[in-house]
């Protein structure tokens, strides 16, 4: 039997972080650092197959990924 893993959409991820809609994506507080203002941009790739994020406070991608995984 094959296990299918379902990853969250950009919207689901943003909402789980208390984010809000912004332009073509979402903005939320970055879970990788103490963020007083929303600095994490979240969107989906043009083909809709990947969730993309960028911390505008310059947290490394791997740090954000580890923080998201730790949150469940």
N, C-alpha and C. Protein backbone atom coordinates (compact mmCIF):
# COMPACT_ATOMS: atom_id res chain seq x y z
N UNK A 1 0.84 -1.18 0.00
CA UNK A 1 0.00 0.00 0.00
C UNK A 1 0.89 1.25 0.00
N UNK A 2 0.54 2.22 -0.82
CA UNK A 2 1.31 3.45 -0.94
C UNK A 2 0.69 4.55 -0.08
N UNK A 3 1.55 5.26 0.66
CA UNK A 3 1.09 6.37 1.48
C UNK A 3 1.24 7.66 0.69
N UNK A 4 0.18 8.42 0.64
CA UNK A 4 0.21 9.70 -0.06
C UNK A 4 0.35 10.81 0.98
N UNK A 5 1.36 11.65 0.80
CA UNK A 5 1.58 12.76 1.70
C UNK A 5 0.98 14.01 1.07
N UNK A 6 0.15 14.70 1.81
CA UNK A 6 -0.47 15.92 1.32
C UNK A 6 0.16 17.11 2.02
N UNK A 7 0.76 17.98 1.25
CA UNK A 7 1.37 19.18 1.79
C UNK A 7 0.36 20.31 1.76
N UNK A 8 0.49 21.28 2.67
CA UNK A 8 -0.47 22.38 2.68
C UNK A 8 -0.30 23.31 1.48
N UNK A 9 -1.37 23.95 1.11
CA UNK A 9 -1.31 24.98 0.07
C UNK A 9 -0.71 26.24 0.69
N UNK A 10 -0.39 27.21 -0.15
CA UNK A 10 0.12 28.49 0.35
C UNK A 10 -0.90 29.13 1.29
N UNK A 11 -2.16 29.08 0.92
CA UNK A 11 -3.20 29.66 1.76
C UNK A 11 -3.29 28.96 3.10
N UNK A 12 -3.29 27.64 3.10
CA UNK A 12 -3.37 26.89 4.36
C UNK A 12 -2.17 27.19 5.26
N UNK A 13 -0.99 27.25 4.66
CA UNK A 13 0.21 27.55 5.43
C UNK A 13 0.13 28.95 6.01
N UNK A 14 -0.24 29.91 5.20
CA UNK A 14 -0.35 31.30 5.65
C UNK A 14 -1.38 31.43 6.77
N UNK A 15 -2.53 30.83 6.60
CA UNK A 15 -3.58 30.92 7.64
C UNK A 15 -3.13 30.27 8.94
N UNK A 16 -2.36 29.17 8.84
CA UNK A 16 -1.88 28.51 10.06
C UNK A 16 -0.90 29.40 10.83
N UNK A 17 -0.28 30.35 10.12
CA UNK A 17 0.63 31.30 10.75
C UNK A 17 -0.05 32.63 11.08
N UNK A 18 -1.36 32.69 10.86
CA UNK A 18 -2.10 33.92 11.12
C UNK A 18 -1.89 34.97 10.03
N UNK A 19 -1.52 34.51 8.84
CA UNK A 19 -1.21 35.42 7.74
C UNK A 19 -2.43 36.01 7.06
N UNK A 20 -2.14 36.94 6.17
CA UNK A 20 -3.19 37.64 5.42
C UNK A 20 -2.85 37.67 3.95
N UNK A 21 -3.86 37.84 3.14
CA UNK A 21 -3.70 37.94 1.69
C UNK A 21 -2.90 39.20 1.36
N UNK A 22 -1.99 39.08 0.41
CA UNK A 22 -1.18 40.23 -0.02
C UNK A 22 -0.78 40.02 -1.48
N UNK A 23 -1.19 40.93 -2.33
CA UNK A 23 -0.85 40.86 -3.77
C UNK A 23 -1.19 39.49 -4.34
N UNK A 24 -0.21 38.79 -4.88
CA UNK A 24 -0.45 37.48 -5.50
C UNK A 24 -0.33 36.32 -4.51
N UNK A 25 -0.05 36.62 -3.26
CA UNK A 25 0.16 35.55 -2.30
C UNK A 25 -0.32 35.93 -0.91
N UNK A 26 0.52 35.65 0.06
CA UNK A 26 0.18 35.84 1.47
C UNK A 26 1.37 36.43 2.19
N UNK A 27 1.13 37.03 3.35
CA UNK A 27 2.19 37.55 4.20
C UNK A 27 1.87 37.10 5.63
N UNK A 28 2.91 36.66 6.34
CA UNK A 28 2.71 36.16 7.70
C UNK A 28 3.98 36.43 8.52
N UNK A 29 3.87 36.23 9.81
CA UNK A 29 5.05 36.34 10.66
C UNK A 29 5.92 35.11 10.44
N UNK A 30 7.20 35.33 10.33
CA UNK A 30 8.15 34.24 10.09
C UNK A 30 8.31 33.41 11.35
N UNK A 31 8.17 32.08 11.27
CA UNK A 31 8.31 31.24 12.45
C UNK A 31 9.78 30.99 12.83
N UNK A 32 10.73 31.44 12.01
CA UNK A 32 12.14 31.17 12.26
C UNK A 32 12.81 32.22 13.14
N UNK A 33 12.13 33.33 13.37
CA UNK A 33 12.67 34.36 14.25
C UNK A 33 11.52 35.09 14.94
N UNK A 34 11.86 35.84 15.98
CA UNK A 34 10.83 36.62 16.65
C UNK A 34 10.44 37.77 15.75
N UNK A 35 9.31 37.64 15.14
CA UNK A 35 8.86 38.57 14.11
C UNK A 35 7.75 39.45 14.64
N UNK A 36 8.02 40.73 14.79
CA UNK A 36 6.98 41.65 15.26
C UNK A 36 6.06 42.08 14.13
N UNK A 37 6.59 42.09 12.92
CA UNK A 37 5.81 42.46 11.74
C UNK A 37 5.90 41.31 10.74
N UNK A 38 4.86 41.12 9.99
CA UNK A 38 4.84 40.03 9.01
C UNK A 38 5.96 40.24 7.99
N UNK A 39 6.90 39.31 7.94
CA UNK A 39 8.01 39.43 7.01
C UNK A 39 8.14 38.21 6.10
N UNK A 40 7.26 37.25 6.24
CA UNK A 40 7.33 36.03 5.45
C UNK A 40 6.31 36.09 4.31
N UNK A 41 6.81 36.14 3.09
CA UNK A 41 5.94 36.09 1.90
C UNK A 41 5.74 34.63 1.53
N UNK A 42 4.50 34.27 1.23
CA UNK A 42 4.16 32.89 0.87
C UNK A 42 3.33 32.93 -0.40
N UNK A 43 3.70 32.09 -1.36
CA UNK A 43 2.96 32.02 -2.61
C UNK A 43 3.09 30.62 -3.19
N UNK A 44 2.46 30.40 -4.33
CA UNK A 44 2.58 29.12 -5.02
C UNK A 44 3.31 29.33 -6.33
N UNK A 45 4.02 28.30 -6.78
CA UNK A 45 4.71 28.38 -8.06
C UNK A 45 3.68 28.57 -9.17
N UNK A 46 4.14 29.08 -10.30
CA UNK A 46 3.22 29.34 -11.42
C UNK A 46 2.40 28.13 -11.82
N UNK A 47 2.99 26.94 -11.70
CA UNK A 47 2.25 25.72 -12.08
C UNK A 47 1.44 25.16 -10.91
N UNK A 48 1.52 25.81 -9.75
CA UNK A 48 0.71 25.40 -8.60
C UNK A 48 1.17 24.14 -7.91
N UNK A 49 2.39 23.68 -8.19
CA UNK A 49 2.85 22.42 -7.61
C UNK A 49 3.72 22.61 -6.37
N UNK A 50 4.17 23.84 -6.10
CA UNK A 50 5.06 24.07 -4.97
C UNK A 50 4.65 25.32 -4.20
N UNK A 51 4.88 25.28 -2.90
CA UNK A 51 4.68 26.45 -2.06
C UNK A 51 6.04 27.12 -1.92
N UNK A 52 6.07 28.42 -2.15
CA UNK A 52 7.31 29.19 -2.09
C UNK A 52 7.23 30.17 -0.93
N UNK A 53 8.35 30.40 -0.25
CA UNK A 53 8.37 31.39 0.81
C UNK A 53 9.69 32.15 0.79
N UNK A 54 9.62 33.36 1.33
CA UNK A 54 10.81 34.19 1.47
C UNK A 54 10.64 35.06 2.71
N UNK A 55 11.63 34.98 3.58
CA UNK A 55 11.63 35.85 4.77
C UNK A 55 12.38 37.12 4.38
N UNK A 56 11.69 38.25 4.48
CA UNK A 56 12.28 39.53 4.13
C UNK A 56 13.21 40.05 5.23
N UNK A 57 13.30 39.33 6.35
CA UNK A 57 14.28 39.64 7.39
C UNK A 57 15.54 38.79 7.16
N UNK A 58 15.56 38.09 6.05
CA UNK A 58 16.72 37.32 5.58
C UNK A 58 17.00 36.03 6.34
N UNK A 59 15.99 35.40 6.92
CA UNK A 59 16.19 34.08 7.51
C UNK A 59 16.53 33.11 6.37
N UNK A 60 17.50 32.22 6.57
CA UNK A 60 17.81 31.21 5.55
C UNK A 60 16.60 30.30 5.30
N UNK A 61 16.45 29.87 4.06
CA UNK A 61 15.34 28.98 3.69
C UNK A 61 15.27 27.75 4.59
N UNK A 62 16.42 27.15 4.88
CA UNK A 62 16.43 25.95 5.71
C UNK A 62 15.93 26.22 7.13
N UNK A 63 16.22 27.41 7.67
CA UNK A 63 15.73 27.76 9.01
C UNK A 63 14.21 27.88 9.00
N UNK A 64 13.68 28.51 7.96
CA UNK A 64 12.22 28.65 7.86
C UNK A 64 11.58 27.27 7.71
N UNK A 65 12.17 26.44 6.87
CA UNK A 65 11.64 25.09 6.66
C UNK A 65 11.63 24.29 7.98
N UNK A 66 12.74 24.34 8.74
CA UNK A 66 12.80 23.62 10.02
C UNK A 66 11.75 24.15 10.99
N UNK A 67 11.57 25.46 11.03
CA UNK A 67 10.57 26.05 11.93
C UNK A 67 9.15 25.64 11.53
N UNK A 68 8.89 25.58 10.23
CA UNK A 68 7.56 25.15 9.77
C UNK A 68 7.31 23.69 10.10
N UNK A 69 8.32 22.86 9.89
CA UNK A 69 8.18 21.43 10.21
C UNK A 69 7.95 21.25 11.72
N UNK A 70 8.69 22.00 12.53
CA UNK A 70 8.54 21.89 13.99
C UNK A 70 7.14 22.27 14.44
N UNK A 71 6.50 23.19 13.71
CA UNK A 71 5.13 23.61 14.02
C UNK A 71 4.11 22.56 13.63
N UNK A 72 4.52 21.64 12.79
CA UNK A 72 3.62 20.57 12.34
C UNK A 72 2.89 20.95 11.10
